[in-house]
Protein backbone atom coordinates (compact mmCIF):
# COMPACT_ATOMS: atom_id res chain seq x y z
CA MET A 1 -29.53 -15.23 -25.27
CA GLY A 2 -29.48 -17.45 -28.35
CA ASP A 3 -27.17 -19.99 -26.77
CA PHE A 4 -29.68 -20.89 -24.10
CA ALA A 5 -33.14 -19.85 -25.44
CA GLY A 6 -35.57 -22.79 -25.58
CA GLN A 7 -33.07 -25.15 -23.97
CA GLU A 8 -34.75 -27.91 -21.93
CA GLN A 9 -31.74 -29.98 -20.68
CA PRO A 10 -29.77 -28.96 -17.64
CA VAL A 11 -27.14 -26.30 -18.12
CA THR A 12 -23.70 -27.82 -18.35
CA GLU A 13 -20.68 -26.65 -16.25
CA GLY A 14 -19.15 -25.27 -19.43
CA GLN A 15 -22.15 -23.30 -20.39
CA PHE A 16 -22.39 -21.86 -16.90
CA GLU A 17 -18.75 -20.78 -16.95
CA THR A 18 -19.22 -19.16 -20.32
CA CYS A 19 -22.19 -17.26 -18.97
CA VAL A 20 -20.31 -16.04 -15.91
CA ARG A 21 -17.32 -14.95 -17.98
CA THR A 22 -19.37 -13.03 -20.61
CA GLN A 23 -21.51 -9.88 -20.33
CA CYS A 24 -24.80 -11.74 -20.34
CA ASP A 25 -27.69 -9.82 -18.76
CA ASP A 26 -29.72 -10.53 -15.64
CA LYS A 27 -32.66 -11.96 -17.70
CA LEU A 28 -30.43 -14.55 -19.26
CA LEU A 29 -29.14 -15.60 -15.76
CA GLN A 30 -32.72 -15.84 -14.49
CA GLU A 31 -33.56 -18.03 -17.44
CA ILE A 32 -30.68 -20.34 -16.73
CA LEU A 33 -31.54 -20.51 -13.06
CA TYR A 34 -35.20 -21.24 -13.86
CA MET A 35 -34.25 -24.04 -16.29
CA ASP A 36 -31.83 -25.66 -13.97
CA VAL A 37 -34.25 -25.57 -10.97
CA LYS A 38 -36.99 -26.91 -13.25
CA ASN A 39 -34.76 -29.96 -14.17
CA GLN A 40 -33.69 -30.28 -10.44
CA ASN A 41 -30.11 -30.51 -11.58
CA LEU A 42 -28.56 -27.32 -10.19
CA LYS A 43 -25.31 -27.83 -8.27
CA GLU A 44 -24.82 -25.98 -5.00
CA TYR A 45 -21.84 -24.00 -6.23
CA GLN A 46 -23.69 -23.04 -9.42
CA LEU A 47 -26.55 -21.64 -7.33
CA LYS A 48 -24.15 -19.64 -5.19
CA ARG A 49 -22.41 -18.16 -8.25
CA VAL A 50 -25.58 -17.40 -10.09
CA PHE A 51 -27.05 -15.69 -7.05
CA PHE A 52 -23.85 -13.61 -6.57
CA THR A 53 -23.68 -12.76 -10.25
CA MET A 54 -27.32 -11.58 -10.10
CA THR A 55 -26.60 -9.02 -7.36
CA ALA A 56 -25.77 -5.39 -7.74
CA HIS A 57 -22.14 -6.45 -8.31
CA PHE A 58 -22.85 -8.29 -11.54
CA ASN A 59 -21.76 -5.69 -14.11
CA PHE A 60 -18.69 -4.86 -11.96
CA THR A 61 -17.62 -8.58 -11.60
CA SER A 62 -18.25 -9.37 -15.29
CA GLY A 63 -16.23 -6.42 -16.41
CA ILE A 64 -13.34 -7.47 -14.27
CA ASP A 65 -13.63 -11.11 -15.51
CA ILE A 66 -13.41 -9.88 -19.10
CA GLN A 67 -10.40 -7.78 -18.50
CA MET A 68 -8.75 -10.65 -16.52
CA ASN A 69 -9.51 -13.02 -19.27
CA ASN A 70 -7.91 -10.74 -21.83
CA THR A 71 -4.88 -10.53 -19.65
CA LEU A 72 -4.56 -14.00 -18.43
CA ASN A 73 -6.01 -16.26 -21.14
CA ASN A 74 -5.05 -14.51 -24.47
CA GLY A 75 -1.71 -15.71 -25.74
CA THR A 76 -0.49 -12.46 -27.16
CA SER A 77 -1.72 -10.43 -24.18
CA GLN A 78 -0.10 -12.98 -21.79
CA SER A 79 3.18 -12.70 -23.56
CA SER A 80 3.02 -8.89 -23.52
CA SER A 81 1.97 -8.89 -19.87
CA SER A 82 4.88 -11.26 -18.87
CA ALA A 83 7.38 -9.00 -20.70
CA LEU A 84 5.92 -5.96 -19.01
CA LYS A 85 6.06 -7.65 -15.61
CA THR A 86 9.68 -8.55 -16.08
CA ALA A 87 10.63 -5.05 -17.17
CA SER A 88 8.62 -3.74 -14.27
CA ASP A 89 10.28 -6.00 -11.72
CA ILE A 90 13.75 -5.18 -12.95
CA SER A 91 13.24 -1.49 -13.14
CA ILE A 92 11.55 -1.19 -9.68
CA THR A 93 14.15 -3.50 -8.06
CA ALA A 94 16.97 -1.47 -9.53
CA SER A 95 15.37 1.78 -8.28
CA LEU A 96 14.90 0.20 -4.82
CA VAL A 97 18.59 -0.71 -4.59
CA VAL A 98 19.66 2.92 -5.54
CA ILE A 99 17.07 4.47 -3.15
CA MET A 100 18.12 2.38 -0.21
CA LEU A 101 21.84 2.85 -0.96
CA GLY A 102 21.20 6.56 -1.02
CA MET A 103 19.27 6.57 2.17
CA GLY A 104 21.88 4.51 3.91
CA CYS A 105 24.36 7.22 2.94
CA THR A 106 22.37 9.76 5.12
CA ILE A 107 22.83 7.70 8.35
CA GLU A 108 25.66 8.12 10.72
CA ILE A 109 26.54 4.96 12.77
CA LYS A 110 26.21 6.81 16.06
CA SER A 111 22.54 7.70 15.29
CA LEU A 112 21.76 4.15 14.36
CA VAL A 113 23.47 2.86 17.51
CA LYS A 114 21.41 5.32 19.49
CA HIS A 115 18.12 3.94 18.23
CA ILE A 116 19.23 0.37 18.88
CA ARG A 117 20.27 1.16 22.44
CA ARG A 118 17.08 3.16 23.20
CA PRO A 119 14.47 1.72 20.80
CA VAL A 120 11.71 4.06 22.02
CA GLY A 121 10.79 5.26 18.55
CA ILE A 122 10.93 1.82 17.11
CA CYS A 123 8.61 0.48 19.81
CA ILE A 124 6.13 3.23 19.23
CA GLY A 125 6.34 2.55 15.42
CA MET A 126 5.63 -1.14 16.10
CA LEU A 127 2.77 -0.25 18.35
CA SER A 128 1.15 1.93 15.64
CA GLN A 129 2.00 -0.59 12.92
CA PHE A 130 0.88 -3.87 14.31
CA VAL A 131 -1.73 -2.85 17.01
CA VAL A 132 -3.39 0.32 16.09
CA LEU A 133 -3.48 0.13 12.16
CA PRO A 134 -4.95 -3.44 11.96
CA ALA A 135 -7.70 -2.47 14.45
CA VAL A 136 -8.28 0.81 12.50
CA THR A 137 -8.48 -1.13 9.18
CA PHE A 138 -10.87 -3.67 10.61
CA GLY A 139 -13.11 -0.85 11.90
CA LEU A 140 -13.06 0.95 8.60
CA ALA A 141 -13.94 -2.06 6.63
CA HIS A 142 -17.04 -2.68 8.77
CA ALA A 143 -17.98 0.99 8.82
CA LEU A 144 -18.04 1.18 5.06
CA GLN A 145 -19.73 -2.24 4.81
CA LEU A 146 -17.21 -3.44 2.23
CA PRO A 147 -17.99 -6.76 0.41
CA PRO A 148 -16.19 -9.58 1.99
CA LEU A 149 -13.52 -9.94 -0.68
CA ALA A 150 -12.70 -6.28 -0.77
CA ALA A 151 -12.66 -6.32 3.00
CA ILE A 152 -10.12 -9.10 3.17
CA GLY A 153 -7.91 -7.27 0.71
CA MET A 154 -8.10 -4.18 2.82
CA LEU A 155 -7.37 -6.10 6.01
CA VAL A 156 -4.26 -7.83 4.62
CA VAL A 157 -2.92 -4.40 3.61
CA GLY A 158 -3.49 -3.11 6.99
CA CYS A 159 -1.60 -6.07 8.60
CA CYS A 160 1.39 -5.74 6.28
CA PRO A 161 4.71 -4.17 7.54
CA GLY A 162 5.95 -0.84 6.31
CA GLY A 163 7.67 -0.60 2.91
CA SER A 164 10.85 0.96 1.64
CA THR A 165 8.66 3.84 0.18
CA THR A 166 8.58 5.09 3.81
CA ASN A 167 12.30 5.70 3.82
CA ILE A 168 12.45 8.07 0.79
CA PHE A 169 9.38 10.07 2.02
CA SER A 170 10.95 10.33 5.44
CA TYR A 171 13.98 11.84 3.79
CA TRP A 172 11.96 14.23 1.71
CA THR A 173 10.04 15.42 4.79
CA ASP A 174 13.30 15.93 6.80
CA GLY A 175 12.38 12.98 9.01
CA ASP A 176 14.78 10.67 10.97
CA VAL A 177 15.90 8.33 8.26
CA SER A 178 17.86 6.08 10.53
CA LEU A 179 14.67 5.61 12.62
CA SER A 180 12.71 4.96 9.46
CA ILE A 181 15.03 2.28 8.18
CA SER A 182 15.27 0.73 11.67
CA MET A 183 11.47 0.55 11.83
CA THR A 184 11.13 -0.88 8.35
CA ALA A 185 13.76 -3.63 9.12
CA VAL A 186 12.13 -4.52 12.57
CA SER A 187 8.57 -4.36 11.21
CA THR A 188 9.45 -6.65 8.29
CA LEU A 189 10.96 -9.23 10.68
CA MET A 190 8.04 -8.85 13.17
CA ALA A 191 5.63 -9.43 10.28
CA ILE A 192 6.66 -13.07 10.25
CA GLY A 193 4.69 -13.50 13.50
CA MET A 194 2.42 -10.44 13.60
CA MET A 195 0.83 -10.85 10.26
CA PRO A 196 -0.61 -14.28 10.83
CA LEU A 197 -1.69 -13.23 14.31
CA ASN A 198 -3.56 -10.18 13.15
CA LEU A 199 -5.15 -11.98 10.18
CA LEU A 200 -6.25 -14.82 12.50
CA ILE A 201 -7.85 -12.25 14.89
CA TYR A 202 -9.59 -10.00 12.40
CA SER A 203 -10.25 -12.06 9.22
CA ARG A 204 -12.88 -14.37 10.77
CA SER A 205 -15.55 -11.59 10.06
CA TRP A 206 -15.29 -12.44 6.34
CA THR A 207 -13.59 -15.83 5.68
CA ASP A 208 -12.52 -19.07 7.31
CA THR A 209 -9.84 -19.58 4.75
CA ALA A 210 -6.34 -19.88 6.10
CA LEU A 211 -4.22 -17.22 4.55
CA VAL A 212 -0.86 -18.16 3.22
CA ILE A 213 1.91 -15.91 4.60
CA PRO A 214 4.72 -15.42 2.06
CA TYR A 215 7.63 -15.86 4.49
CA ILE A 216 10.23 -16.10 1.64
CA ASN A 217 9.09 -12.82 0.26
CA ILE A 218 9.18 -11.24 3.70
CA LEU A 219 12.78 -12.30 4.02
CA LYS A 220 13.54 -11.16 0.54
CA SER A 221 12.05 -7.68 1.25
CA PHE A 222 14.23 -7.52 4.48
CA GLY A 223 17.33 -8.25 2.45
CA MET A 224 16.51 -5.74 -0.32
CA THR A 225 15.90 -2.98 2.25
CA ILE A 226 18.79 -3.58 4.68
CA GLY A 227 21.51 -4.82 2.28
CA PRO A 228 21.92 -1.54 0.24
CA ALA A 229 21.35 0.55 3.37
CA VAL A 230 24.17 -1.09 5.23
CA VAL A 231 26.44 -0.48 2.22
CA GLY A 232 25.42 3.13 2.23
CA ILE A 233 26.17 3.51 5.91
CA LEU A 234 29.68 2.10 5.39
CA VAL A 235 30.19 4.41 2.26
CA ARG A 236 29.26 7.47 4.55
CA TRP A 237 31.66 6.34 7.28
CA LYS A 238 34.54 5.94 4.84
CA ILE A 239 33.97 8.21 1.92
CA GLN A 240 31.90 11.30 2.74
CA LYS A 241 31.98 12.94 -0.66
CA LEU A 242 30.84 9.81 -2.48
CA ALA A 243 28.00 9.41 0.13
CA ASP A 244 26.73 12.93 -0.66
CA ILE A 245 26.60 12.06 -4.37
CA LEU A 246 24.77 8.80 -3.71
CA VAL A 247 22.15 10.49 -1.51
CA LYS A 248 21.23 12.76 -4.47
CA CYS A 249 21.13 9.72 -6.73
CA GLY A 250 18.81 7.95 -4.22
CA SER A 251 16.50 10.93 -4.09
CA PHE A 252 16.30 11.22 -7.85
CA ALA A 253 15.72 7.42 -8.14
CA GLY A 254 12.88 7.83 -5.55
CA ALA A 255 11.15 10.45 -7.64
CA ILE A 256 11.47 8.36 -10.86
CA SER A 257 10.19 5.22 -9.00
CA VAL A 258 7.07 7.09 -7.85
CA VAL A 259 6.19 8.01 -11.46
CA LEU A 260 7.20 4.52 -12.73
CA VAL A 261 5.05 2.66 -10.17
CA LEU A 262 1.93 4.76 -10.86
CA THR A 263 2.41 4.29 -14.56
CA LEU A 264 3.08 0.58 -14.62
CA MET A 265 0.32 -0.21 -12.19
CA SER A 266 -2.16 1.52 -14.42
CA ILE A 267 -1.02 -0.30 -17.46
CA ARG A 268 -0.73 -3.72 -15.87
CA PHE A 269 -3.94 -3.56 -13.75
CA PRO A 270 -6.36 -1.24 -15.52
CA TYR A 271 -9.35 -3.30 -14.05
CA MET A 272 -8.64 -1.86 -10.59
CA TYR A 273 -10.35 1.52 -11.70
CA LEU A 274 -13.66 -0.48 -11.99
CA ALA A 275 -13.88 -0.60 -8.28
CA SER A 276 -16.93 0.68 -6.37
CA TRP A 277 -16.97 4.08 -4.66
CA LYS A 278 -16.78 2.38 -1.32
CA ILE A 279 -13.41 0.78 -2.18
CA TYR A 280 -12.15 4.18 -3.52
CA ILE A 281 -13.18 5.85 -0.26
CA ALA A 282 -11.50 3.13 1.79
CA ALA A 283 -8.31 3.29 -0.23
CA LEU A 284 -8.07 7.07 0.29
CA ILE A 285 -8.94 6.99 3.96
CA LEU A 286 -6.54 4.14 5.13
CA PRO A 287 -3.30 5.97 4.39
CA PHE A 288 -4.41 9.25 5.99
CA ALA A 289 -5.75 7.14 8.97
CA GLY A 290 -2.33 5.60 9.28
CA PHE A 291 -0.63 9.04 9.08
CA LEU A 292 -3.05 10.47 11.67
CA PHE A 293 -2.95 7.61 14.24
CA GLY A 294 0.80 7.21 13.96
CA TYR A 295 1.47 10.84 14.49
CA VAL A 296 -1.01 10.93 17.41
CA VAL A 297 0.52 7.89 19.12
CA ALA A 298 3.94 9.37 18.68
CA MET A 299 2.81 12.69 20.23
CA ILE A 300 1.18 10.96 23.14
CA CYS A 301 4.51 9.29 23.75
CA ARG A 302 6.17 12.67 23.67
CA GLN A 303 8.33 12.27 20.56
CA ASP A 304 9.60 15.36 18.83
CA PRO A 305 8.05 16.47 15.52
CA VAL A 306 10.89 14.91 13.40
CA ARG A 307 10.14 11.40 14.99
CA CYS A 308 6.43 11.94 14.83
CA ARG A 309 6.59 12.55 11.06
CA THR A 310 8.70 9.49 10.57
CA ILE A 311 6.41 7.19 12.69
CA ALA A 312 3.34 8.65 10.88
CA LEU A 313 4.89 7.72 7.51
CA GLU A 314 5.89 4.24 8.58
CA THR A 315 2.35 3.65 9.84
CA GLY A 316 0.58 5.06 6.87
CA ILE A 317 2.65 3.45 4.01
CA GLN A 318 2.33 -0.30 3.84
CA ASN A 319 4.21 -3.00 1.82
CA PHE A 320 1.37 -3.58 -0.63
CA PRO A 321 3.45 -5.85 -2.99
CA LEU A 322 3.68 -8.24 -0.06
CA CYS A 323 -0.03 -8.09 0.23
CA MET A 324 -0.45 -8.98 -3.40
CA THR A 325 1.87 -11.95 -3.08
CA LEU A 326 -0.11 -13.25 -0.08
CA LEU A 327 -3.39 -13.03 -2.04
CA LEU A 328 -1.94 -14.69 -5.01
CA LEU A 329 -0.73 -17.67 -2.91
CA THR A 330 -4.02 -18.01 -0.97
CA PHE A 331 -6.82 -17.34 -3.54
CA SER A 332 -7.68 -18.69 -7.11
CA LYS A 333 -7.40 -16.59 -10.22
CA GLU A 334 -11.28 -16.65 -10.39
CA ILE A 335 -11.57 -14.33 -7.41
CA PHE A 336 -8.13 -12.68 -7.45
CA ALA A 337 -9.36 -9.82 -9.64
CA GLU A 338 -11.92 -8.67 -7.10
CA ILE A 339 -9.96 -9.41 -3.88
CA SER A 340 -6.92 -7.54 -5.24
CA LEU A 341 -8.92 -4.33 -6.07
CA PHE A 342 -8.23 -2.67 -2.78
CA PRO A 343 -4.49 -3.48 -2.54
CA LEU A 344 -4.10 -2.21 -6.14
CA LEU A 345 -5.91 1.02 -5.56
CA TYR A 346 -4.10 1.44 -2.19
CA GLY A 347 -0.84 1.16 -4.10
CA VAL A 348 -1.94 4.25 -6.14
CA THR A 349 -3.63 6.23 -3.35
CA CYS A 350 -0.89 5.44 -0.85
CA ILE A 351 1.66 7.25 -3.11
CA VAL A 352 -0.87 10.08 -3.84
CA CYS A 353 -1.56 10.57 -0.11
CA SER A 354 2.13 10.50 0.69
CA LEU A 355 2.77 13.07 -1.90
CA ALA A 356 -0.08 15.20 -0.23
CA PHE A 357 1.69 14.60 3.12
CA LEU A 358 4.87 15.88 1.61
CA GLY A 359 3.13 18.83 0.13
CA ILE A 360 1.48 19.81 3.32
CA TYR A 361 4.83 19.48 5.18
CA LYS A 362 6.50 21.71 2.54
CA ILE A 363 3.81 24.41 2.90
CA VAL A 364 3.81 24.39 6.65
CA LYS A 365 7.63 24.57 6.63
CA LYS A 366 7.55 27.47 4.21
CA VAL A 367 4.93 29.37 6.21
CA ASN A 368 6.91 28.88 9.41
CA SER A 369 10.11 29.96 7.74
CA THR A 370 8.50 33.19 6.41
CA ARG A 371 6.97 33.83 9.82
CA GLN A 372 10.32 33.36 11.61
CA LYS A 373 12.02 35.69 9.16
CA LYS A 374 9.41 38.36 9.74
CA GLU A 375 9.72 38.00 13.52
CA GLU A 376 13.57 38.08 13.34
CA PHE A 377 13.34 41.23 11.07
CA THR A 378 10.94 42.82 13.49
CA ARG A 379 13.21 41.97 16.40
CA VAL A 380 16.32 43.33 14.74
CA SER A 381 14.46 46.48 13.59
CA THR A 382 13.31 47.07 17.25
CA ILE A 383 16.86 46.61 18.61
CA GLU A 384 18.18 48.99 15.98
CA ASP A 385 15.47 51.55 16.79
CA ASP A 386 16.32 51.20 20.52
CA LYS A 387 19.99 51.77 19.77
CA PHE A 388 19.21 54.74 17.70
CA VAL A 389 16.93 56.35 20.37
CA TYR A 390 19.09 55.64 23.37
CA GLY A 391 22.28 56.37 21.42
CA ASN A 392 21.08 59.90 20.61
CA LYS A 393 20.24 60.44 24.37
């Protein structure tokens, strides 16, 4: 409080920014507000920011600002962060190529042609992705009464297309990988029109800012997904043995990428763990809500369990890196820390929830397999007993 105590002249813009970006207490902010009002020289934007900072979110916002300053404004930290970002981008991109190459090696051309000729599963997936999920996200954000910035971040995630993570989890859960890749490709292209439409419809509850859609990144995502997958399909068509090896490599790369993403996100964005409990709850609910509604919609449309699982995963796993790009292009650094909290936490909880989905599937599969073996054993034993009895007669 020494910097401002006894000060009679109006608070300057520099002093105000210093106060907002340091852990000054509410009493100091009240003193600044009082002095500026007394001198009748308080700017409108200052009043808004002082009022916001004096709310219950003050400590939370200040903590984020400090961590963001350490990351963005410190020369050494910025250099380290840049190197880490480069290493992260290279490793994750390489993993993605290997994963999609491996997943492509699981697809037969005839199964892909079947989905193209009769795109029932694809249409159901798009219905879940771009109609059901944005509406569910909008409802959850209002039900939890999220702050406007957190709600915007959540809404953008809910309006994003499915990501390539869907494909590897579809493979691990014995889903229809050809359907999964088809839905990922179609949803990525449809996002060019459906993302701005859904954001226009739902975002007005919290902001009038026109969100910048990263069309170039959408096309890059499409190329990174489809390119290696097409190569994999051709490898399976021509060299079956090599395809089997690449499938195993893709599955292994998927496991490595899961650990890598969780680790790198925690290192690069540690401030996301400062989020409020409401944001934690929202980030946990949304993936499971996507799984549930995707599965239910597929069941209503009379899809088999394999396709239901695939559609559920496609609906529940979003392309959150695309969401981060949109937020970076639209909003300033000053509010990026808070508005990115939900997408960052979603990136973690989405993987965790997908692993839980996989675990539940494996348990159910094991239980059903054990039950079938018991029933088969009982049936065989009954037949043998009947043979023994009637044979003796």
